[in-house]
C-alpha atoms as a PDB file:
ATOM      1  CA  MET A   1       0.957  51.163  17.013  1.00  0.00           C
ATOM      2  CA  LYS A   2      -2.669  50.773  15.720  1.00  0.00           C
ATOM      3  CA  ILE A   3      -1.242  48.965  12.716  1.00  0.00           C
ATOM      4  CA  ASN A   4       0.779  46.446  14.892  1.00  0.00           C
ATOM      5  CA  LEU A   5      -2.350  45.906  17.015  1.00  0.00           C
ATOM      6  CA  LYS A   6      -4.348  45.000  13.946  1.00  0.00           C
ATOM      7  CA  ARG A   7      -1.569  42.634  12.717  1.00  0.00           C
ATOM      8  CA  SER A   8      -1.570  41.075  16.043  1.00  0.00           C
ATOM      9  CA  VAL A   9      -5.383  40.610  16.044  1.00  0.00           C
ATOM     10  CA  VAL A  10      -5.311  39.333  12.390  1.00  0.00           C
ATOM     11  CA  ALA A  11      -2.476  36.857  13.440  1.00  0.00           C
ATOM     12  CA  SER A  12      -4.424  35.667  16.516  1.00  0.00           C
ATOM     13  CA  ARG A  13      -7.614  35.098  14.416  1.00  0.00           C
ATOM     14  CA  ILE A  14      -5.604  33.047  11.805  1.00  0.00           C
ATOM     15  CA  PHE A  15      -3.851  30.928  14.505  1.00  0.00           C
ATOM     16  CA  ILE A  16      -7.330  30.187  16.117  1.00  0.00           C
ATOM     17  CA  VAL A  17      -8.785  29.254  12.697  1.00  0.00           C
ATOM     18  CA  MET A  18      -5.901  26.981  12.061  1.00  0.00           C
ATOM     19  CA  ILE A  19      -6.367  25.301  15.521  1.00  0.00           C
ATOM     20  CA  ALA A  20     -10.064  24.928  14.606  1.00  0.00           C
ATOM     21  CA  ALA A  21      -9.264  23.194  11.410  1.00  0.00           C
ATOM     22  CA  VAL A  22      -6.830  20.708  13.017  1.00  0.00           C
ATOM     23  CA  VAL A  23      -9.471  19.941  15.803  1.00  0.00           C
ATOM     24  CA  ALA A  24     -12.236  19.618  13.000  1.00  0.00           C
ATOM     25  CA  GLY A  25      -9.945  17.396  10.967  1.00  0.00           C
ATOM     26  CA  ARG A  26      -9.282  15.110  13.933  1.00  0.00           C
ATOM     27  CA  LEU A  27     -13.086  14.846  14.655  1.00  0.00           C
ATOM     28  CA  ALA A  28     -13.802  14.123  11.024  1.00  0.00           C
ATOM     29  CA  ASP A  29     -11.085  11.483  11.048  1.00  0.00           C
ATOM     30  CA  ARG A  30     -12.759   9.929  14.110  1.00  0.00           C
ATOM     31  CA  GLU A  31     -16.215  10.157  12.452  1.00  0.00           C
ATOM     32  CA  ALA A  32     -14.963   8.559   9.376  1.00  0.00           C
ATOM     33  CA  ILE A  33     -13.356   5.698  11.260  1.00  0.00           C
ATOM     34  CA  ALA A  34     -16.650   5.176  13.224  1.00  0.00           C
ATOM     35  CA  GLN A  35     -18.519   4.968   9.989  1.00  0.00           C
ATOM     36  CA  GLU A  36     -15.888   2.621   8.444  1.00  0.00           C
ATOM     37  CA  THR A  37     -16.342   0.417  11.580  1.00  0.00           C
ATOM     38  CA  ILE A  38     -19.984   0.042  11.041  1.00  0.00           C
ATOM     39  CA  VAL A  39     -19.636  -0.559   7.279  1.00  0.00           C
ATOM     40  CA  GLN A  40     -16.983  -3.153   7.870  1.00  0.00           C
ATOM     41  CA  ASN A  41     -18.999  -4.865  10.619  1.00  0.00           C
ATOM     42  CA  ASP A  42     -17.518  -4.184  14.065  1.00  0.00           C
ATOM     43  CA  ALA A  43     -14.867  -6.752  14.853  1.00  0.00           C
ATOM     44  CA  SER A  44     -16.602  -7.316  18.104  1.00  0.00           C
ATOM     45  CA  GLN A  45     -19.406  -9.168  16.282  1.00  0.00           C
ATOM     46  CA  ASP A  46     -16.784 -11.539  14.792  1.00  0.00           C
ATOM     47  CA  ALA A  47     -15.160 -11.826  18.333  1.00  0.00           C
ATOM     48  CA  ALA A  48     -18.486 -12.786  19.848  1.00  0.00           C
ATOM     49  CA  ILE A  49     -18.530 -15.941  17.679  1.00  0.00           C
ATOM     50  CA  PHE A  50     -15.477 -17.557  19.192  1.00  0.00           C
ATOM     51  CA  ASP A  51     -15.388 -15.622  22.489  1.00  0.00           C
ATOM     52  CA  PRO A  52     -18.736 -15.547  24.218  1.00  0.00           C
ATOM     53  CA  PHE A  53     -17.368 -13.080  26.804  1.00  0.00           C
ATOM     54  CA  ALA A  54     -16.560 -10.484  24.179  1.00  0.00           C
ATOM     55  CA  SER A  55     -19.481  -8.533  23.173  1.00  0.00           C
ATOM     56  CA  ARG A  56     -20.565  -7.244  26.534  1.00  0.00           C
ATOM     57  CA  HIS A  57     -17.207  -5.271  26.704  1.00  0.00           C
ATOM     58  CA  ASP A  58     -17.397  -3.545  23.373  1.00  0.00           C
ATOM     59  CA  HIS A  59     -17.241  -0.087  25.247  1.00  0.00           C
ATOM     60  CA  LEU A  60     -13.532  -0.851  26.182  1.00  0.00           C
ATOM     61  CA  PHE A  61     -12.414  -0.826  22.540  1.00  0.00           C
ATOM     62  CA  PRO A  62     -12.310   2.337  20.319  1.00  0.00           C
ATOM     63  CA  PRO A  63     -13.456   2.309  16.613  1.00  0.00           C
ATOM     64  CA  GLU A  64      -9.819   2.809  15.572  1.00  0.00           C
ATOM     65  CA  MET A  65      -9.385  -0.879  16.447  1.00  0.00           C
ATOM     66  CA  THR A  66     -10.994  -1.908  13.115  1.00  0.00           C
ATOM     67  CA  HIS A  67      -9.685   0.980  11.145  1.00  0.00           C
ATOM     68  CA  TRP A  68      -6.105  -0.179  11.559  1.00  0.00           C
ATOM     69  CA  LYS A  69      -7.070  -3.763  10.676  1.00  0.00           C
ATOM     70  CA  LEU A  70      -8.028  -2.730   7.242  1.00  0.00           C
ATOM     71  CA  GLN A  71      -4.635  -0.817   6.450  1.00  0.00           C
ATOM     72  CA  ASP A  72      -2.334  -2.819   4.165  1.00  0.00           C
ATOM     73  CA  LYS A  73       0.696  -0.634   4.437  1.00  0.00           C
ATOM     74  CA  PRO A  74       1.614  -1.113   8.076  1.00  0.00           C
ATOM     75  CA  MET A  75       0.886  -4.944   7.736  1.00  0.00           C
ATOM     76  CA  ILE A  76       3.222  -5.145   4.798  1.00  0.00           C
ATOM     77  CA  ASP A  77       5.981  -2.920   6.405  1.00  0.00           C
ATOM     78  CA  GLY A  78       5.608  -4.961   9.759  1.00  0.00           C
ATOM     79  CA  LEU A  79       6.157  -8.260   7.638  1.00  0.00           C
ATOM     80  CA  ARG A  80       9.383  -6.804   6.142  1.00  0.00           C
ATOM     81  CA  LYS A  81      10.714  -5.668   9.391  1.00  0.00           C
ATOM     82  CA  ALA A  82       9.967  -8.896  11.136  1.00  0.00           C
ATOM     83  CA  GLU A  83      11.640 -10.839   8.451  1.00  0.00           C
ATOM     84  CA  ALA A  84      14.705  -8.615   8.680  1.00  0.00           C
ATOM     85  CA  LEU A  85      14.726  -9.466  12.447  1.00  0.00           C
ATOM     86  CA  ARG A  86      14.474 -13.252  11.733  1.00  0.00           C
ATOM     87  CA  SER A  87      17.582 -12.995   9.411  1.00  0.00           C
ATOM     88  CA  LYS A  88      19.546 -11.096  12.141  1.00  0.00           C
ATOM     89  CA  LEU A  89      18.754 -13.584  14.648  1.00  0.00           C
ATOM     90  CA  LEU A  90      19.803 -16.387  12.646  1.00  0.00           C
ATOM     91  CA  ALA A  91      23.031 -14.966  11.302  1.00  0.00           C
ATOM     92  CA  ASN A  92      26.405 -16.367  12.414  1.00  0.00           C
ATOM     93  CA  ASP A  93      28.891 -14.284  14.159  1.00  0.00           C
ATOM     94  CA  SER A  94      32.759 -14.632  13.790  1.00  0.00           C
ATOM     95  CA  SER A  95      32.677 -17.600  16.309  1.00  0.00           C
ATOM     96  CA  GLY A  96      29.983 -19.276  14.391  1.00  0.00           C
ATOM     97  CA  GLN A  97      27.144 -18.630  17.029  1.00  0.00           C
ATOM     98  CA  THR A  98      23.961 -16.856  16.282  1.00  0.00           C
ATOM     99  CA  PRO A  99      22.273 -14.244  18.616  1.00  0.00           C
ATOM    100  CA  LEU A 100      19.350 -16.728  18.723  1.00  0.00           C
ATOM    101  CA  GLU A 101      21.688 -19.225  20.629  1.00  0.00           C
ATOM    102  CA  SER A 102      22.723 -16.513  23.029  1.00  0.00           C
ATOM    103  CA  ILE A 103      19.234 -15.419  23.769  1.00  0.00           C
ATOM    104  CA  LEU A 104      17.895 -18.888  24.209  1.00  0.00           C
ATOM    105  CA  LYS A 105      20.719 -19.759  26.564  1.00  0.00           C
ATOM    106  CA  ALA A 106      19.903 -16.881  28.892  1.00  0.00           C
ATOM    107  CA  THR A 107      16.170 -17.777  28.556  1.00  0.00           C
ATOM    108  CA  ALA A 108      17.021 -21.184  29.782  1.00  0.00           C
ATOM    109  CA  GLU A 109      18.845 -19.787  32.888  1.00  0.00           C
ATOM    110  CA  LEU A 110      15.798 -17.645  33.591  1.00  0.00           C
ATOM    111  CA  GLN A 111      13.707 -20.775  33.294  1.00  0.00           C
ATOM    112  CA  ALA A 112      15.903 -22.581  35.850  1.00  0.00           C
ATOM    113  CA  SER A 113      15.909 -19.734  38.281  1.00  0.00           C
ATOM    114  CA  ALA A 114      12.481 -18.514  38.311  1.00  0.00           C
ATOM    115  CA  ALA A 115      10.769 -21.505  40.023  1.00  0.00           C
ATOM    116  CA  ASP A 116      10.905 -19.873  43.418  1.00  0.00           C
ATOM    117  CA  SER A 117       9.882 -16.420  42.173  1.00  0.00           C
ATOM    118  CA  LEU A 118       6.902 -17.696  40.130  1.00  0.00           C
ATOM    119  CA  GLN A 119       5.787 -20.394  42.831  1.00  0.00           C
ATOM    120  CA  SER A 120       2.408 -18.919  43.318  1.00  0.00           C
ATOM    121  CA  ARG A 121       2.071 -17.644  39.746  1.00  0.00           C
ATOM    122  CA  ARG A 122       2.265 -19.109  36.189  1.00  0.00           C
ATOM    123  CA  PRO A 123       5.330 -21.404  35.760  1.00  0.00           C
ATOM    124  CA  ILE A 124       7.739 -21.282  32.680  1.00  0.00           C
ATOM    125  CA  ASP A 125       9.736 -24.389  33.086  1.00  0.00           C
ATOM    126  CA  GLN A 126       7.388 -26.317  30.728  1.00  0.00           C
ATOM    127  CA  PHE A 127       8.608 -24.165  27.495  1.00  0.00           C
ATOM    128  CA  ASP A 128      10.720 -26.469  25.379  1.00  0.00           C
ATOM    129  CA  LEU A 129      13.284 -23.991  24.142  1.00  0.00           C
ATOM    130  CA  VAL A 130      16.071 -26.224  22.878  1.00  0.00           C
ATOM    131  CA  ALA A 131      18.156 -24.107  20.529  1.00  0.00           C
ATOM    132  CA  LYS A 132      18.327 -26.597  17.775  1.00  0.00           C
ATOM    133  CA  ARG A 133      14.510 -26.940  17.594  1.00  0.00           C
ATOM    134  CA  VAL A 134      13.883 -23.310  17.688  1.00  0.00           C
ATOM    135  CA  GLU A 135      16.433 -22.661  15.188  1.00  0.00           C
ATOM    136  CA  MET A 136      15.037 -25.347  12.853  1.00  0.00           C
ATOM    137  CA  GLN A 137      11.471 -23.763  13.172  1.00  0.00           C
ATOM    138  CA  LEU A 138      12.510 -20.283  12.537  1.00  0.00           C
ATOM    139  CA  SER A 139      14.324 -21.529   9.578  1.00  0.00           C
ATOM    140  CA  GLY A 140      11.349 -23.063   8.006  1.00  0.00           C
ATOM    141  CA  GLY A 141      12.220 -26.601   8.981  1.00  0.00           C
ATOM    142  CA  GLU A 142       9.245 -27.664  11.105  1.00  0.00           C
ATOM    143  CA  SER A 143       5.635 -28.166  10.109  1.00  0.00           C
ATOM    144  CA  LEU A 144       3.292 -25.782  11.820  1.00  0.00           C
ATOM    145  CA  SER A 145      -0.355 -25.782  11.959  1.00  0.00           C
ATOM    146  CA  THR A 146      -2.382 -22.878  10.549  1.00  0.00           C
ATOM    147  CA  THR A 147      -4.158 -22.771  13.841  1.00  0.00           C
ATOM    148  CA  SER A 148      -1.051 -21.849  15.772  1.00  0.00           C
ATOM    149  CA  PHE A 149      -2.689 -18.601  17.037  1.00  0.00           C
ATOM    150  CA  THR A 150      -6.025 -19.971  17.810  1.00  0.00           C
ATOM    151  CA  ALA A 151      -5.827 -20.499  21.484  1.00  0.00           C
ATOM    152  CA  PHE A 152      -5.085 -16.881  21.877  1.00  0.00           C
ATOM    153  CA  ASP A 153      -8.154 -15.797  20.217  1.00  0.00           C
ATOM    154  CA  GLY A 154     -10.525 -13.508  22.019  1.00  0.00           C
ATOM    155  CA  ARG A 155     -10.650 -10.745  24.579  1.00  0.00           C
ATOM    156  CA  TRP A 156      -8.149 -10.558  27.333  1.00  0.00           C
ATOM    157  CA  PHE A 157      -7.971  -8.137  30.404  1.00  0.00           C
ATOM    158  CA  GLY A 158      -5.029  -7.639  32.674  1.00  0.00           C
ATOM    159  CA  ARG A 159      -2.529  -5.104  33.755  1.00  0.00           C
ATOM    160  CA  TRP A 160       0.875  -4.035  32.309  1.00  0.00           C
ATOM    161  CA  GLY A 161       2.947  -2.067  34.729  1.00  0.00           C
ATOM    162  CA  ASN A 162       0.489   0.404  36.383  1.00  0.00           C
ATOM    163  CA  SER A 163      -2.084   0.331  33.563  1.00  0.00           C
ATOM    164  CA  ASN A 164      -5.079  -1.607  32.719  1.00  0.00           C
ATOM    165  CA  VAL A 165      -4.533  -3.389  29.460  1.00  0.00           C
ATOM    166  CA  ASP A 166      -7.365  -4.666  26.975  1.00  0.00           C
ATOM    167  CA  HIS A 167      -6.537  -7.287  24.286  1.00  0.00           C
ATOM    168  CA  ASP A 168      -8.623  -8.174  21.429  1.00  0.00           C
ATOM    169  CA  TRP A 169      -7.065 -11.094  19.428  1.00  0.00           C
ATOM    170  CA  GLN A 170      -9.247 -11.501  16.294  1.00  0.00           C
ATOM    171  CA  PRO A 171     -10.109 -14.874  14.553  1.00  0.00           C
ATOM    172  CA  THR A 172      -7.059 -15.919  12.282  1.00  0.00           C
ATOM    173  CA  GLU A 173      -7.614 -15.450   8.516  1.00  0.00           C
ATOM    174  CA  PHE A 174      -6.591 -18.530   6.525  1.00  0.00           C
ATOM    175  CA  TYR A 175      -5.673 -18.345   2.981  1.00  0.00           C
ATOM    176  CA  ALA A 176      -6.488 -21.188   0.723  1.00  0.00           C
ATOM    177  CA  THR A 177      -4.187 -19.472  -1.838  1.00  0.00           C
ATOM    178  CA  PRO A 178      -1.316 -17.989   0.109  1.00  0.00           C
ATOM    179  CA  ARG A 179      -1.340 -14.219   0.047  1.00  0.00           C
ATOM    180  CA  LYS A 180       1.495 -12.466  -1.612  1.00  0.00           C
ATOM    181  CA  THR A 181       2.313  -8.927  -0.703  1.00  0.00           C
ATOM    182  CA  GLU A 182       5.645  -8.110  -2.489  1.00  0.00           C
ATOM    183  CA  ASP A 183       8.076  -9.996  -4.532  1.00  0.00           C
ATOM    184  CA  ASP A 184      10.880 -10.156  -1.947  1.00  0.00           C
ATOM    185  CA  LEU A 185       8.720 -10.916   1.120  1.00  0.00           C
ATOM    186  CA  PRO A 186       7.438 -14.260   2.604  1.00  0.00           C
ATOM    187  CA  ILE A 187       3.910 -15.184   1.454  1.00  0.00           C
ATOM    188  CA  ILE A 188       1.189 -15.374   4.212  1.00  0.00           C
ATOM    189  CA  HIS A 189      -0.695 -18.465   4.832  1.00  0.00           C
ATOM    190  CA  ALA A 190      -2.494 -17.293   8.046  1.00  0.00           C
ATOM    191  CA  LEU A 191      -2.967 -13.784   9.438  1.00  0.00           C
ATOM    192  CA  GLN A 192      -3.986 -12.665  13.073  1.00  0.00           C
ATOM    193  CA  TYR A 193      -4.911  -9.069  13.783  1.00  0.00           C
ATOM    194  CA  ALA A 194      -4.792  -7.881  17.445  1.00  0.00           C
ATOM    195  CA  TRP A 195      -5.478  -4.772  19.342  1.00  0.00           C
ATOM    196  CA  ILE A 196      -3.459  -4.450  22.625  1.00  0.00           C
ATOM    197  CA  SER A 197      -4.900  -1.246  24.212  1.00  0.00           C
ATOM    198  CA  ASP A 198      -1.865   0.972  23.478  1.00  0.00           C
ATOM    199  CA  GLY A 199      -1.365  -0.440  19.997  1.00  0.00           C
ATOM    200  CA  PHE A 200      -2.301  -2.949  17.293  1.00  0.00           C
ATOM    201  CA  GLY A 201      -0.329  -5.487  15.232  1.00  0.00           C
ATOM    202  CA  TRP A 202      -0.354  -8.863  13.282  1.00  0.00           C
ATOM    203  CA  ASN A 203       0.756 -12.395  13.831  1.00  0.00           C
ATOM    204  CA  TYR A 204       1.903 -13.852  10.473  1.00  0.00           C
ATOM    205  CA  LEU A 205       2.187 -17.627   9.519  1.00  0.00           C
ATOM    206  CA  VAL A 206       4.422 -17.611   6.306  1.00  0.00           C
ATOM    207  CA  THR A 207       6.835 -19.315   4.086  1.00  0.00           C
ATOM    208  CA  ASN A 208       9.544 -17.701   2.025  1.00  0.00           C
ATOM    209  CA  PRO A 209       9.733 -19.128  -1.573  1.00  0.00           C
ATOM    210  CA  ASN A 210      13.068 -17.194  -2.083  1.00  0.00           C
ATOM    211  CA  GLU A 211      15.072 -19.505   0.329  1.00  0.00           C
ATOM    212  CA  VAL A 212      15.808 -23.091   0.678  1.00  0.00           C
ATOM    213  CA  SER A 213      14.389 -24.774   3.781  1.00  0.00           C
ATOM    214  CA  PRO A 214      16.551 -27.050   5.822  1.00  0.00           C
ATOM    215  CA  VAL A 215      16.121 -30.774   5.641  1.00  0.00           C
ATOM    216  CA  VAL A 216      13.146 -31.838   7.788  1.00  0.00           C
ATOM    217  CA  SER A 217      12.406 -34.971   9.635  1.00  0.00           C
ATOM    218  CA  SER A 218      11.194 -36.668   6.523  1.00  0.00           C
ATOM    219  CA  GLY A 219      14.704 -36.325   4.896  1.00  0.00           C
ATOM    220  CA  THR A 220      13.169 -34.046   2.137  1.00  0.00           C
ATOM    221  CA  LYS A 221      13.616 -30.316   1.778  1.00  0.00           C
ATOM    222  CA  GLU A 222      10.059 -28.840   2.021  1.00  0.00           C
ATOM    223  CA  LYS A 223       9.167 -25.155   2.529  1.00  0.00           C
ATOM    224  CA  GLN A 224       7.568 -25.191   5.917  1.00  0.00           C
ATOM    225  CA  HIS A 225       5.801 -22.321   7.792  1.00  0.00           C
ATOM    226  CA  TYR A 226       7.430 -19.968  10.371  1.00  0.00           C
ATOM    227  CA  ILE A 227       5.954 -17.303  12.551  1.00  0.00           C
ATOM    228  CA  LEU A 228       6.556 -13.530  12.394  1.00  0.00           C
ATOM    229  CA  GLY A 229       5.073 -10.686  14.218  1.00  0.00           C
ATOM    230  CA  MET A 230       4.759  -6.756  14.330  1.00  0.00           C
ATOM    231  CA  VAL A 231       3.225  -4.365  16.771  1.00  0.00           C
ATOM    232  CA  TYR A 232       2.658  -0.708  16.605  1.00  0.00           C
ATOM    233  CA  TYR A 233       2.255   1.697  19.459  1.00  0.00           C
ATOM    234  CA  PHE A 234       0.516   4.823  20.227  1.00  0.00           C
ATOM    235  CA  GLU A 235       0.883   7.428  23.010  1.00  0.00           C
ATOM    236  CA  GLY A 236      -2.075   8.216  25.383  1.00  0.00           C
ATOM    237  CA  LYS A 237      -5.496   8.068  23.563  1.00  0.00           C
ATOM    238  CA  ASP A 238      -4.151   9.422  20.314  1.00  0.00           C
ATOM    239  CA  PHE A 239      -5.086   6.296  18.186  1.00  0.00           C
ATOM    240  CA  LEU A 240      -4.395   7.858  14.772  1.00  0.00           C
ATOM    241  CA  THR A 241      -0.758   8.446  15.132  1.00  0.00           C
ATOM    242  CA  ILE A 242       1.872   5.598  15.416  1.00  0.00           C
ATOM    243  CA  ARG A 243       4.649   6.659  17.787  1.00  0.00           C
ATOM    244  CA  SER A 244       6.787   3.457  17.821  1.00  0.00           C
ATOM    245  CA  GLU A 245       7.017  -0.140  16.486  1.00  0.00           C
ATOM    246  CA  LYS A 246       8.409  -3.545  17.492  1.00  0.00           C
ATOM    247  CA  ALA A 247       9.078  -6.458  15.182  1.00  0.00           C
ATOM    248  CA  HIS A 248       8.698  -9.986  16.580  1.00  0.00           C
ATOM    249  CA  VAL A 249       9.913 -13.420  15.614  1.00  0.00           C
ATOM    250  CA  GLY A 250       7.814 -16.313  16.856  1.00  0.00           C
ATOM    251  CA  PHE A 251       8.337 -19.904  18.059  1.00  0.00           C
ATOM    252  CA  SER A 252       5.312 -22.253  18.576  1.00  0.00           C
ATOM    253  CA  ASP A 253       6.057 -24.674  21.392  1.00  0.00           C
ATOM    254  CA  ASN A 254       2.687 -26.193  21.389  1.00  0.00           C
ATOM    255  CA  PRO A 255      -1.046 -25.054  20.671  1.00  0.00           C
ATOM    256  CA  ASN A 256      -1.170 -23.123  23.877  1.00  0.00           C
ATOM    257  CA  ARG A 257       2.465 -21.695  23.984  1.00  0.00           C
ATOM    258  CA  LEU A 258       4.126 -19.141  21.818  1.00  0.00           C
ATOM    259  CA  ILE A 259       7.402 -17.469  22.290  1.00  0.00           C
ATOM    260  CA  TRP A 260       8.116 -14.054  20.779  1.00  0.00           C
ATOM    261  CA  ILE A 261      11.709 -12.616  20.487  1.00  0.00           C
ATOM    262  CA  THR A 262      12.123  -8.944  19.776  1.00  0.00           C
ATOM    263  CA  GLU A 263      15.100  -6.675  19.563  1.00  0.00           C
ATOM    264  CA  GLN A 264      15.029  -6.346  23.374  1.00  0.00           C
ATOM    265  CA  GLU A 265      12.617  -8.944  24.923  1.00  0.00           C
ATOM    266  CA  VAL A 266      11.665 -12.693  24.907  1.00  0.00           C
ATOM    267  CA  PHE A 267       7.976 -13.032  25.686  1.00  0.00           C
ATOM    268  CA  MET A 268       6.814 -16.395  26.794  1.00  0.00           C
ATOM    269  CA  GLU A 269       3.132 -16.610  26.342  1.00  0.00           C
ATOM    270  CA  GLU A 270       0.880 -19.421  27.489  1.00  0.00           C
ATOM    271  CA  VAL A 271      -2.925 -19.930  27.629  1.00  0.00           C
ATOM    272  CA  PHE A 272      -4.037 -22.101  30.649  1.00  0.00           C
ATOM    273  CA  PRO A 273      -7.431 -23.519  29.558  1.00  0.00           C
ATOM    274  CA  MET A 274     -10.025 -24.418  32.111  1.00  0.00           C
ATOM    275  CA  GLN A 275     -13.117 -26.433  31.811  1.00  0.00           C
ATOM    276  CA  ASP A 276     -14.997 -23.277  32.712  1.00  0.00           C
ATOM    277  CA  ALA A 277     -13.779 -21.152  29.792  1.00  0.00           C
ATOM    278  CA  SER A 278     -14.431 -18.050  31.720  1.00  0.00           C
ATOM    279  CA  GLN A 279     -11.714 -19.134  34.162  1.00  0.00           C
ATOM    280  CA  THR A 280      -9.140 -19.463  31.399  1.00  0.00           C
ATOM    281  CA  THR A 281      -6.049 -17.212  31.767  1.00  0.00           C
ATOM    282  CA  TYR A 282      -3.381 -16.056  29.564  1.00  0.00           C
ATOM    283  CA  ALA A 283       0.195 -15.314  30.974  1.00  0.00           C
ATOM    284  CA  ILE A 284       3.103 -13.385  29.470  1.00  0.00           C
ATOM    285  CA  THR A 285       6.436 -13.814  31.032  1.00  0.00           C
ATOM    286  CA  ALA A 286       9.086 -11.334  29.868  1.00  0.00           C
ATOM    287  CA  MET A 287      12.936 -11.419  29.871  1.00  0.00           C
ATOM    288  CA  TYR A 288      14.886  -8.399  28.843  1.00  0.00           C
ATOM    289  CA  HIS A 289      18.136  -8.369  26.848  1.00  0.00           C
ATOM    290  CA  ASP A 290      20.164  -6.284  24.499  1.00  0.00           C
ATOM    291  CA  MET A 291      21.907  -9.142  22.555  1.00  0.00           C
ATOM    292  CA  LEU A 292      21.776  -7.525  19.068  1.00  0.00           C
ATOM    293  CA  THR A 293      24.004  -4.633  20.042  1.00  0.00           C
ATOM    294  CA  ASP A 294      27.791  -4.331  20.028  1.00  0.00           C
ATOM    295  CA  ASN A 295      27.577  -4.572  23.844  1.00  0.00           C
ATOM    296  CA  PRO A 296      25.454  -7.804  24.372  1.00  0.00           C
ATOM    297  CA  THR A 297      23.637  -7.710  27.652  1.00  0.00           C
ATOM    298  CA  ILE A 298      21.090  -9.876  29.572  1.00  0.00           C
ATOM    299  CA  PHE A 299      19.190  -8.080  32.136  1.00  0.00           C
ATOM    300  CA  ARG A 300      18.256 -10.037  35.380  1.00  0.00           C
ATOM    301  CA  HIS A 301      14.975  -8.068  35.632  1.00  0.00           C
ATOM    302  CA  ALA A 302      11.811 -10.072  34.539  1.00  0.00           C
ATOM    303  CA  THR A 303       8.045  -9.565  34.513  1.00  0.00           C
ATOM    304  CA  GLN A 304       4.873 -11.470  34.276  1.00  0.00           C
ATOM    305  CA  ALA A 305       1.332 -10.392  33.503  1.00  0.00           C
ATOM    306  CA  VAL A 306      -1.787 -12.651  33.734  1.00  0.00           C
ATOM    307  CA  TYR A 307      -4.835 -11.675  31.723  1.00  0.00           C
ATOM    308  CA  THR A 308      -8.491 -13.072  32.188  1.00  0.00           C
ATOM    309  CA  ARG A 309     -11.676 -13.026  30.293  1.00  0.00           C
ATOM    310  CA  ASP A 310     -13.209 -10.631  32.744  1.00  0.00           C
ATOM    311  CA  PRO A 311     -12.242  -6.799  32.935  1.00  0.00           C
ATOM    312  CA  SER A 312     -13.172  -6.836  36.630  1.00  0.00           C
ATOM    313  CA  VAL A 313     -10.539  -9.411  37.432  1.00  0.00           C
ATOM    314  CA  ARG A 314      -7.012  -8.065  36.595  1.00  0.00           C
ATOM    315  CA  PRO A 315      -4.250  -9.961  38.346  1.00  0.00           C
ATOM    316  CA  ALA A 316      -1.359  -7.689  39.652  1.00  0.00           C
ATOM    317  CA  PHE A 317       1.537  -7.100  37.308  1.00  0.00           C
ATOM    318  CA  TYR A 318       4.635  -8.843  38.712  1.00  0.00           C
ATOM    319  CA  GLU A 319       8.204  -8.002  38.701  1.00  0.00           C
ATOM    320  CA  PHE A 320      11.039 -10.231  39.854  1.00  0.00           C
ATOM    321  CA  THR A 321      14.805 -10.650  39.629  1.00  0.00           C
ATOM    322  CA  TRP A 322      16.666 -13.858  38.754  1.00  0.00           C
END
């Protein structure tokens, strides 16, 4: 009995030591990340250059924000998965139709149906989502500016569901010599990093030297840019462990409007500039679908979130049916 008791005490001590080691490791990780943030010059200092409302809100953004920006592996993995999604969206089925066409048809129906629901909110009927144009751009057949993400730069504050959400869209990095990551992946011409409160990710402006671009308006076959994206998600305040991910394929409608298509959503995003920049807002209207499965489905439930430059002004998250 004494032997068993001693063993129990020893086992308990070992367990406590193990727990302490894990906690110490986590604290060491956070300390290392904090030092890394200081050494790399906190991203908020960059943000303050293009967003004068940024630096006063540094306390809302954890040091892990800058840590993940510096990690190449998730950036490259995201590029690969987003490119795979683009290929899936553009693939013809047995009837000669692509999933992209079906998704855009449903999106057009949402635009036509949502006018009343969004009467006192941000409209979406101005998005030009003609299937032929979207497919041309996603195929690399439309010339895009390397500043396609610029309107979204800076810090934005709003609500998603029942939670406050703080976004930090960093300045776009432009590559005079396009950045090559791996031989079979698109090359990067511009890259934007973002922190989105419960995760982080990148917007990529790319070309694919391994495929032939469609004929563009000039009548020649030129390799043009297209847009990809990737977001990684955390759970709670554990900003060191990636729990899920979501590849995106983007469409630039105009300098203030981006559309993102994922495996299960379409996000129509628009910045509404105001003469007083502090009054500028950024809206995300989401349609939900399951069009890339064996049982293609469009859900008649949609949402809209509106973000401001001021964390004390967070418009209510809005849900509606169509």
